[in-house]
Amino acid sequence: MFRNSALKKLGLGCLHAVNLACFLHLFKENVGSPCLTYGPSMLPTFESTGEVAIESIISHRLAPQSLARGELISLKSPINPNRIICKRVIGLPGDTICVDPTGLKASTTEHVSIPKGHIWIAGDNTSCSTDSRDYGPVSVALIRGRIVARVRCFR
């Protein structure tokens, strides 16, 4: 009798753990999650290390048309789809953008029109950022969510 009771408790405990893991995964993929930031591309907005960006996935999914210039977003990297990056929206579909106002990667006279279903993104630290200046307009399908907050963890 005791053995069956212990096995039943163990089984229920495992079931609860699996349910919690499923809930956390679904929450992270569909509502939002914290992301550890690293790298110099978003200096001074984010430190190179030690900050967490809070992304809201659900706000982008519910209102993707409300994306605005200047907004910080998280998205799958166009170069490496296994990597999530954080960049600033510079141009929206239909905008004409100067490819590189700094002149570091392209002539300051080179312009591009952003096609429908695409955006232009850039890192705040243009000298150390791989962004639309390197790979052109980015499909809105790569956007994961909006960055809604940052938390400094280490100092």
N, C-alpha and C. Protein backbone atom coordinates (compact mmCIF):
# COMPACT_ATOMS: atom_id res chain seq x y z
N MET A 1 0.82 -1.19 0.00
CA MET A 1 0.00 0.00 0.00
C MET A 1 0.87 1.26 0.00
N PHE A 2 1.88 1.29 0.90
CA PHE A 2 2.76 2.45 0.98
C PHE A 2 3.53 2.66 -0.32
N ARG A 3 3.92 1.55 -0.94
CA ARG A 3 4.69 1.61 -2.17
C ARG A 3 3.87 2.25 -3.30
N ASN A 4 2.62 1.89 -3.44
CA ASN A 4 1.75 2.46 -4.46
C ASN A 4 1.53 3.94 -4.22
N SER A 5 1.38 4.33 -2.95
CA SER A 5 1.18 5.74 -2.60
C SER A 5 2.41 6.57 -2.96
N ALA A 6 3.59 6.04 -2.66
CA ALA A 6 4.83 6.75 -2.97
C ALA A 6 5.02 6.88 -4.48
N LEU A 7 4.71 5.81 -5.21
CA LEU A 7 4.83 5.86 -6.67
C LEU A 7 3.83 6.85 -7.26
N LYS A 8 2.64 6.88 -6.69
CA LYS A 8 1.61 7.82 -7.17
C LYS A 8 2.06 9.26 -6.94
N LYS A 9 2.63 9.55 -5.76
CA LYS A 9 3.13 10.90 -5.46
C LYS A 9 4.28 11.27 -6.40
N LEU A 10 5.17 10.34 -6.64
CA LEU A 10 6.29 10.58 -7.55
C LEU A 10 5.79 10.86 -8.97
N GLY A 11 4.83 10.06 -9.40
CA GLY A 11 4.26 10.26 -10.73
C GLY A 11 3.58 11.61 -10.87
N LEU A 12 2.81 12.01 -9.83
CA LEU A 12 2.16 13.32 -9.86
C LEU A 12 3.18 14.46 -9.82
N GLY A 13 4.24 14.27 -9.05
CA GLY A 13 5.30 15.28 -9.00
C GLY A 13 5.95 15.45 -10.36
N CYS A 14 6.22 14.34 -11.04
CA CYS A 14 6.81 14.41 -12.38
C CYS A 14 5.86 15.07 -13.36
N LEU A 15 4.58 14.75 -13.26
CA LEU A 15 3.57 15.36 -14.13
C LEU A 15 3.50 16.87 -13.92
N HIS A 16 3.55 17.30 -12.66
CA HIS A 16 3.54 18.74 -12.36
C HIS A 16 4.79 19.42 -12.91
N ALA A 17 5.93 18.77 -12.81
CA ALA A 17 7.18 19.33 -13.34
C ALA A 17 7.11 19.48 -14.86
N VAL A 18 6.57 18.48 -15.54
CA VAL A 18 6.42 18.55 -17.00
C VAL A 18 5.45 19.66 -17.37
N ASN A 19 4.34 19.77 -16.65
CA ASN A 19 3.37 20.84 -16.91
C ASN A 19 4.01 22.21 -16.73
N LEU A 20 4.79 22.39 -15.68
CA LEU A 20 5.46 23.67 -15.44
C LEU A 20 6.45 23.99 -16.55
N ALA A 21 7.21 22.98 -16.97
CA ALA A 21 8.18 23.19 -18.05
C ALA A 21 7.46 23.58 -19.34
N CYS A 22 6.35 22.94 -19.64
CA CYS A 22 5.58 23.28 -20.84
C CYS A 22 5.04 24.70 -20.75
N PHE A 23 4.51 25.07 -19.58
CA PHE A 23 3.99 26.42 -19.39
C PHE A 23 5.09 27.46 -19.58
N LEU A 24 6.25 27.25 -18.97
CA LEU A 24 7.35 28.20 -19.09
C LEU A 24 7.82 28.33 -20.53
N HIS A 25 7.90 27.23 -21.24
CA HIS A 25 8.30 27.26 -22.65
C HIS A 25 7.29 28.05 -23.48
N LEU A 26 6.01 27.75 -23.32
CA LEU A 26 4.97 28.46 -24.07
C LEU A 26 4.96 29.95 -23.73
N PHE A 27 5.15 30.28 -22.45
CA PHE A 27 5.20 31.68 -22.04
C PHE A 27 6.37 32.39 -22.71
N LYS A 28 7.55 31.75 -22.68
CA LYS A 28 8.75 32.35 -23.27
C LYS A 28 8.60 32.55 -24.77
N GLU A 29 7.99 31.61 -25.46
CA GLU A 29 7.87 31.68 -26.92
C GLU A 29 6.72 32.56 -27.40
N ASN A 30 5.71 32.80 -26.58
CA ASN A 30 4.52 33.50 -27.05
C ASN A 30 4.18 34.79 -26.31
N VAL A 31 4.67 34.96 -25.11
CA VAL A 31 4.33 36.15 -24.32
C VAL A 31 5.53 37.08 -24.16
N GLY A 32 6.62 36.56 -23.64
CA GLY A 32 7.81 37.38 -23.45
C GLY A 32 8.82 36.67 -22.58
N SER A 33 10.01 37.24 -22.56
CA SER A 33 11.06 36.62 -21.76
C SER A 33 12.23 37.58 -21.61
N PRO A 34 13.08 37.31 -20.63
CA PRO A 34 14.32 38.08 -20.51
C PRO A 34 15.38 37.52 -21.45
N CYS A 35 16.24 38.39 -21.97
CA CYS A 35 17.35 37.98 -22.84
C CYS A 35 18.61 38.66 -22.34
N LEU A 36 19.66 37.91 -22.15
CA LEU A 36 20.93 38.47 -21.75
C LEU A 36 21.58 39.15 -22.95
N THR A 37 22.00 40.39 -22.79
CA THR A 37 22.63 41.11 -23.90
C THR A 37 24.15 41.01 -23.80
N TYR A 38 24.78 40.97 -24.94
CA TYR A 38 26.24 40.99 -24.98
C TYR A 38 26.68 41.55 -26.32
N GLY A 39 27.84 42.13 -26.34
CA GLY A 39 28.39 42.72 -27.56
C GLY A 39 28.22 44.23 -27.57
N PRO A 40 29.06 44.91 -28.33
CA PRO A 40 29.08 46.38 -28.32
C PRO A 40 28.11 47.05 -29.30
N SER A 41 27.32 46.32 -30.07
CA SER A 41 26.54 46.94 -31.13
C SER A 41 25.47 47.90 -30.63
N MET A 42 24.99 47.75 -29.41
CA MET A 42 23.92 48.61 -28.91
C MET A 42 24.40 49.61 -27.84
N LEU A 43 25.72 49.78 -27.72
CA LEU A 43 26.24 50.82 -26.81
C LEU A 43 25.76 52.19 -27.29
N PRO A 44 25.39 53.11 -26.50
CA PRO A 44 25.33 53.12 -25.04
C PRO A 44 23.99 52.68 -24.48
N THR A 45 23.05 52.28 -25.32
CA THR A 45 21.73 51.87 -24.83
C THR A 45 21.84 50.65 -23.92
N PHE A 46 22.59 49.65 -24.34
CA PHE A 46 22.87 48.47 -23.53
C PHE A 46 24.37 48.35 -23.36
N GLU A 47 24.78 47.95 -22.16
CA GLU A 47 26.20 47.68 -21.91
C GLU A 47 26.62 46.46 -22.73
N SER A 48 27.92 46.30 -22.91
CA SER A 48 28.43 45.15 -23.66
C SER A 48 28.08 43.82 -22.99
N THR A 49 28.08 43.80 -21.66
CA THR A 49 27.71 42.60 -20.91
C THR A 49 26.97 43.02 -19.65
N GLY A 50 26.24 42.08 -19.11
CA GLY A 50 25.66 42.30 -17.80
C GLY A 50 24.30 42.98 -17.76
N GLU A 51 23.62 43.08 -18.89
CA GLU A 51 22.27 43.63 -18.87
C GLU A 51 21.30 42.62 -19.47
N VAL A 52 20.08 42.69 -19.00
CA VAL A 52 19.03 41.81 -19.50
C VAL A 52 17.98 42.68 -20.17
N ALA A 53 17.63 42.33 -21.40
CA ALA A 53 16.57 43.02 -22.12
C ALA A 53 15.30 42.19 -21.93
N ILE A 54 14.22 42.86 -21.59
CA ILE A 54 12.93 42.19 -21.44
C ILE A 54 12.17 42.38 -22.74
N GLU A 55 11.90 41.28 -23.44
CA GLU A 55 11.19 41.37 -24.71
C GLU A 55 9.73 40.98 -24.53
N SER A 56 8.88 41.72 -25.20
CA SER A 56 7.45 41.42 -25.21
C SER A 56 7.09 40.88 -26.58
N ILE A 57 6.89 39.59 -26.65
CA ILE A 57 6.56 38.94 -27.91
C ILE A 57 5.09 39.15 -28.24
N ILE A 58 4.26 39.08 -27.24
CA ILE A 58 2.82 39.17 -27.48
C ILE A 58 2.40 40.54 -28.01
N SER A 59 3.07 41.60 -27.57
CA SER A 59 2.69 42.94 -28.06
C SER A 59 2.95 43.08 -29.55
N HIS A 60 4.02 42.46 -30.04
CA HIS A 60 4.29 42.50 -31.47
C HIS A 60 3.31 41.61 -32.24
N ARG A 61 2.99 40.45 -31.69
CA ARG A 61 2.06 39.54 -32.38
C ARG A 61 0.65 40.11 -32.45
N LEU A 62 0.23 40.83 -31.41
CA LEU A 62 -1.12 41.39 -31.40
C LEU A 62 -1.24 42.64 -32.28
N ALA A 63 -0.15 43.39 -32.41
CA ALA A 63 -0.21 44.63 -33.20
C ALA A 63 1.08 44.84 -33.99
N PRO A 64 1.36 43.97 -34.98
CA PRO A 64 2.60 44.11 -35.74
C PRO A 64 2.65 45.39 -36.57
N GLN A 65 1.51 45.93 -36.94
CA GLN A 65 1.46 47.14 -37.75
C GLN A 65 1.82 48.39 -36.94
N SER A 66 1.89 48.27 -35.62
CA SER A 66 2.21 49.44 -34.79
C SER A 66 3.70 49.64 -34.59
N LEU A 67 4.52 48.89 -35.30
CA LEU A 67 5.97 49.05 -35.21
C LEU A 67 6.35 50.47 -35.62
N ALA A 68 7.23 51.09 -34.86
CA ALA A 68 7.57 52.50 -35.10
C ALA A 68 9.07 52.69 -35.26
N ARG A 69 9.44 53.73 -36.00
CA ARG A 69 10.85 54.09 -36.13
C ARG A 69 11.40 54.44 -34.75
N GLY A 70 12.61 54.02 -34.48
CA GLY A 70 13.24 54.30 -33.20
C GLY A 70 13.00 53.24 -32.15
N GLU A 71 12.10 52.31 -32.41
CA GLU A 71 11.77 51.28 -31.45
C GLU A 71 12.85 50.20 -31.41
N LEU A 72 13.11 49.67 -30.22
CA LEU A 72 14.04 48.56 -30.07
C LEU A 72 13.29 47.25 -30.22
N ILE A 73 13.85 46.34 -31.01
CA ILE A 73 13.20 45.06 -31.25
C ILE A 73 14.21 43.92 -31.08
N SER A 74 13.67 42.73 -30.86
CA SER A 74 14.49 41.52 -30.89
C SER A 74 14.06 40.74 -32.14
N LEU A 75 15.01 40.13 -32.79
CA LEU A 75 14.71 39.39 -34.01
C LEU A 75 15.73 38.31 -34.26
N LYS A 76 15.35 37.35 -35.10
CA LYS A 76 16.30 36.33 -35.52
C LYS A 76 17.29 36.99 -36.46
N SER A 77 18.55 36.68 -36.29
CA SER A 77 19.59 37.24 -37.14
C SER A 77 19.41 36.76 -38.58
N PRO A 78 19.45 37.68 -39.56
CA PRO A 78 19.37 37.26 -40.95
C PRO A 78 20.58 36.43 -41.39
N ILE A 79 21.67 36.55 -40.67
CA ILE A 79 22.89 35.82 -41.00
C ILE A 79 22.91 34.44 -40.33
N ASN A 80 22.47 34.39 -39.06
CA ASN A 80 22.46 33.15 -38.29
C ASN A 80 21.11 33.01 -37.59
N PRO A 81 20.15 32.28 -38.17
CA PRO A 81 18.81 32.17 -37.60
C PRO A 81 18.74 31.57 -36.20
N ASN A 82 19.83 30.96 -35.73
CA ASN A 82 19.86 30.41 -34.38
C ASN A 82 20.17 31.48 -33.34
N ARG A 83 20.49 32.67 -33.78
CA ARG A 83 20.90 33.75 -32.88
C ARG A 83 19.82 34.83 -32.84
N ILE A 84 19.52 35.32 -31.65
CA ILE A 84 18.57 36.42 -31.48
C ILE A 84 19.39 37.70 -31.28
N ILE A 85 19.02 38.75 -32.02
CA ILE A 85 19.73 40.03 -31.93
C ILE A 85 18.77 41.12 -31.49
N CYS A 86 19.33 42.19 -31.02
CA CYS A 86 18.56 43.37 -30.61
C CYS A 86 19.05 44.55 -31.44
N LYS A 87 18.13 45.22 -32.12
CA LYS A 87 18.48 46.38 -32.96
C LYS A 87 17.38 47.42 -32.87
N ARG A 88 17.65 48.59 -33.44
CA ARG A 88 16.70 49.69 -33.48
C ARG A 88 16.10 49.78 -34.89
N VAL A 89 14.79 50.00 -34.95
CA VAL A 89 14.11 50.16 -36.24
C VAL A 89 14.43 51.56 -36.78
N ILE A 90 14.99 51.62 -37.97
CA ILE A 90 15.34 52.89 -38.60
C ILE A 90 14.36 53.24 -39.70
N GLY A 91 13.93 52.24 -40.48
CA GLY A 91 13.02 52.50 -41.58
C GLY A 91 11.93 51.45 -41.68
N LEU A 92 10.77 51.90 -42.14
CA LEU A 92 9.60 51.04 -42.30
C LEU A 92 9.30 50.85 -43.79
N PRO A 93 8.43 49.90 -44.14
CA PRO A 93 8.11 49.68 -45.55
C PRO A 93 7.68 50.98 -46.24
N GLY A 94 8.26 51.21 -47.42
CA GLY A 94 7.94 52.41 -48.19
C GLY A 94 8.89 53.57 -47.94
N ASP A 95 9.68 53.52 -46.86
CA ASP A 95 10.65 54.59 -46.57
C ASP A 95 11.83 54.51 -47.53
N THR A 96 12.45 55.64 -47.78
CA THR A 96 13.72 55.68 -48.50
C THR A 96 14.78 56.05 -47.48
N ILE A 97 15.78 55.20 -47.35
CA ILE A 97 16.79 55.31 -46.30
C ILE A 97 18.17 55.52 -46.90
N CYS A 98 18.94 56.38 -46.25
CA CYS A 98 20.37 56.48 -46.58
C CYS A 98 21.02 55.23 -46.02
N VAL A 99 21.67 54.46 -46.87
CA VAL A 99 22.23 53.17 -46.46
C VAL A 99 23.17 53.33 -45.27
N ASP A 100 24.06 54.30 -45.32
CA ASP A 100 24.99 54.49 -44.22
C ASP A 100 25.32 55.98 -44.04
N PRO A 101 24.58 56.67 -43.20
CA PRO A 101 24.85 58.09 -42.99
C PRO A 101 26.25 58.38 -42.45
N THR A 102 26.88 57.38 -41.81
CA THR A 102 28.22 57.59 -41.26
C THR A 102 29.30 57.47 -42.34
N GLY A 103 29.00 56.79 -43.43
CA GLY A 103 29.98 56.59 -44.49
C GLY A 103 30.97 55.48 -44.19
N LEU A 104 30.76 54.73 -43.12
CA LEU A 104 31.70 53.66 -42.75
C LEU A 104 31.61 52.44 -43.68
N LYS A 105 30.39 52.10 -44.13
CA LYS A 105 30.21 50.89 -44.91
C LYS A 105 29.70 51.15 -46.32
N ALA A 106 29.22 52.35 -46.59
CA ALA A 106 28.70 52.68 -47.92
C ALA A 106 28.78 54.19 -48.11
N SER A 107 28.67 54.62 -49.34
CA SER A 107 28.67 56.05 -49.64
C SER A 107 27.47 56.72 -48.99
N THR A 108 27.65 57.94 -48.50
CA THR A 108 26.55 58.66 -47.87
C THR A 108 25.49 59.09 -48.88
N THR A 109 25.77 58.92 -50.17
CA THR A 109 24.77 59.27 -51.19
C THR A 109 23.94 58.07 -51.63
N GLU A 110 24.30 56.87 -51.15
CA GLU A 110 23.57 55.66 -51.53
C GLU A 110 22.28 55.54 -50.70
N HIS A 111 21.16 55.39 -51.41
CA HIS A 111 19.86 55.27 -50.75
C HIS A 111 19.16 54.00 -51.22
N VAL A 112 18.25 53.51 -50.40
CA VAL A 112 17.48 52.31 -50.74
C VAL A 112 16.04 52.51 -50.29
N SER A 113 15.09 52.01 -51.08
CA SER A 113 13.68 52.03 -50.69
C SER A 113 13.37 50.71 -49.99
N ILE A 114 12.71 50.81 -48.85
CA ILE A 114 12.37 49.62 -48.08
C ILE A 114 11.13 48.97 -48.70
N PRO A 115 11.23 47.71 -49.14
CA PRO A 115 10.07 47.05 -49.75
C PRO A 115 9.01 46.66 -48.72
N LYS A 116 7.83 46.38 -49.20
CA LYS A 116 6.73 45.94 -48.34
C LYS A 116 7.15 44.66 -47.61
N GLY A 117 6.80 44.56 -46.33
CA GLY A 117 7.14 43.37 -45.55
C GLY A 117 8.55 43.36 -45.01
N HIS A 118 9.24 44.50 -45.11
CA HIS A 118 10.63 44.59 -44.64
C HIS A 118 10.82 45.86 -43.80
N ILE A 119 11.90 45.86 -43.02
CA ILE A 119 12.29 47.04 -42.24
C ILE A 119 13.80 47.22 -42.36
N TRP A 120 14.27 48.40 -41.94
CA TRP A 120 15.70 48.69 -41.91
C TRP A 120 16.08 48.80 -40.45
N ILE A 121 17.10 48.05 -40.02
CA ILE A 121 17.52 48.05 -38.62
C ILE A 121 18.97 48.47 -38.50
N ALA A 122 19.32 48.99 -37.34
CA ALA A 122 20.71 49.38 -37.08
C ALA A 122 21.00 49.28 -35.60
N GLY A 123 22.26 49.03 -35.28
CA GLY A 123 22.71 49.09 -33.90
C GLY A 123 23.01 50.53 -33.54
N ASP A 124 22.90 50.87 -32.28
CA ASP A 124 23.18 52.24 -31.84
C ASP A 124 24.65 52.60 -31.98
N ASN A 125 25.53 51.62 -31.85
CA ASN A 125 26.97 51.84 -31.99
C ASN A 125 27.35 51.43 -33.41
N THR A 126 27.16 52.35 -34.36
CA THR A 126 27.30 52.00 -35.78
C THR A 126 28.68 51.47 -36.16
N SER A 127 29.71 51.88 -35.44
CA SER A 127 31.05 51.42 -35.81
C SER A 127 31.28 49.95 -35.46
N CYS A 128 30.45 49.39 -34.57
CA CYS A 128 30.63 47.99 -34.16
C CYS A 128 29.37 47.15 -34.37
N SER A 129 28.55 47.50 -35.32
CA SER A 129 27.29 46.80 -35.50
C SER A 129 27.19 46.18 -36.89
N THR A 130 26.74 44.93 -36.91
CA THR A 130 26.37 44.28 -38.16
C THR A 130 24.85 44.41 -38.25
N ASP A 131 24.38 45.10 -39.28
CA ASP A 131 22.96 45.41 -39.36
C ASP A 131 22.54 45.55 -40.82
N SER A 132 21.47 46.29 -41.09
CA SER A 132 20.95 46.42 -42.45
C SER A 132 21.96 47.03 -43.41
N ARG A 133 22.93 47.74 -42.90
CA ARG A 133 23.97 48.28 -43.78
C ARG A 133 24.77 47.13 -44.40
N ASP A 134 24.80 45.98 -43.72
CA ASP A 134 25.52 44.81 -44.22
C ASP A 134 24.62 43.87 -45.01
N TYR A 135 23.40 43.64 -44.53
CA TYR A 135 22.54 42.66 -45.20
C TYR A 135 21.26 43.22 -45.78
N GLY A 136 21.10 44.53 -45.80
CA GLY A 136 19.95 45.15 -46.45
C GLY A 136 18.68 45.09 -45.63
N PRO A 137 17.53 45.36 -46.26
CA PRO A 137 16.26 45.32 -45.55
C PRO A 137 16.00 43.92 -44.97
N VAL A 138 15.36 43.89 -43.82
CA VAL A 138 15.11 42.64 -43.10
C VAL A 138 13.62 42.34 -43.11
N SER A 139 13.27 41.10 -43.35
CA SER A 139 11.87 40.69 -43.36
C SER A 139 11.25 40.85 -41.97
N VAL A 140 10.03 41.37 -41.92
CA VAL A 140 9.34 41.52 -40.64
C VAL A 140 9.03 40.16 -40.02
N ALA A 141 9.08 39.11 -40.81
CA ALA A 141 8.84 37.76 -40.28
C ALA A 141 9.93 37.33 -39.30
N LEU A 142 11.09 37.99 -39.34
CA LEU A 142 12.18 37.64 -38.42
C LEU A 142 12.01 38.28 -37.05
N ILE A 143 11.10 39.25 -36.92
CA ILE A 143 10.93 39.95 -35.64
C ILE A 143 10.30 39.01 -34.62
N ARG A 144 10.92 38.97 -33.43
CA ARG A 144 10.38 38.18 -32.30
C ARG A 144 9.48 39.05 -31.43
N GLY A 145 9.98 40.24 -31.08
CA GLY A 145 9.21 41.08 -30.16
C GLY A 145 9.83 42.44 -29.97
N ARG A 146 9.20 43.21 -29.11
CA ARG A 146 9.66 44.55 -28.77
C ARG A 146 10.43 44.50 -27.45
N ILE A 147 11.46 45.31 -27.34
CA ILE A 147 12.19 45.41 -26.08
C ILE A 147 11.44 46.45 -25.23
N VAL A 148 10.96 46.02 -24.08
CA VAL A 148 10.13 46.91 -23.26
C VAL A 148 10.85 47.41 -22.01
N ALA A 149 11.95 46.76 -21.63
CA ALA A 149 12.68 47.19 -20.44
C ALA A 149 14.08 46.61 -20.46
N ARG A 150 14.92 47.16 -19.61
CA ARG A 150 16.25 46.59 -19.42
C ARG A 150 16.54 46.53 -17.94
N VAL A 151 17.32 45.53 -17.56
CA VAL A 151 17.68 45.32 -16.16
C VAL A 151 19.18 45.17 -16.10
N ARG A 152 19.82 45.99 -15.28
CA ARG A 152 21.26 45.86 -15.07
C ARG A 152 21.50 44.82 -14.00
N CYS A 153 22.24 43.80 -14.35
CA CYS A 153 22.47 42.70 -13.41
C CYS A 153 23.83 42.75 -12.75
N PHE A 154 24.85 43.11 -13.49
CA PHE A 154 26.22 43.03 -12.98
C PHE A 154 26.87 44.40 -13.06
N ARG A 155 27.70 44.68 -12.16
CA ARG A 155 28.50 45.93 -12.18
C ARG A 155 29.69 45.80 -11.30
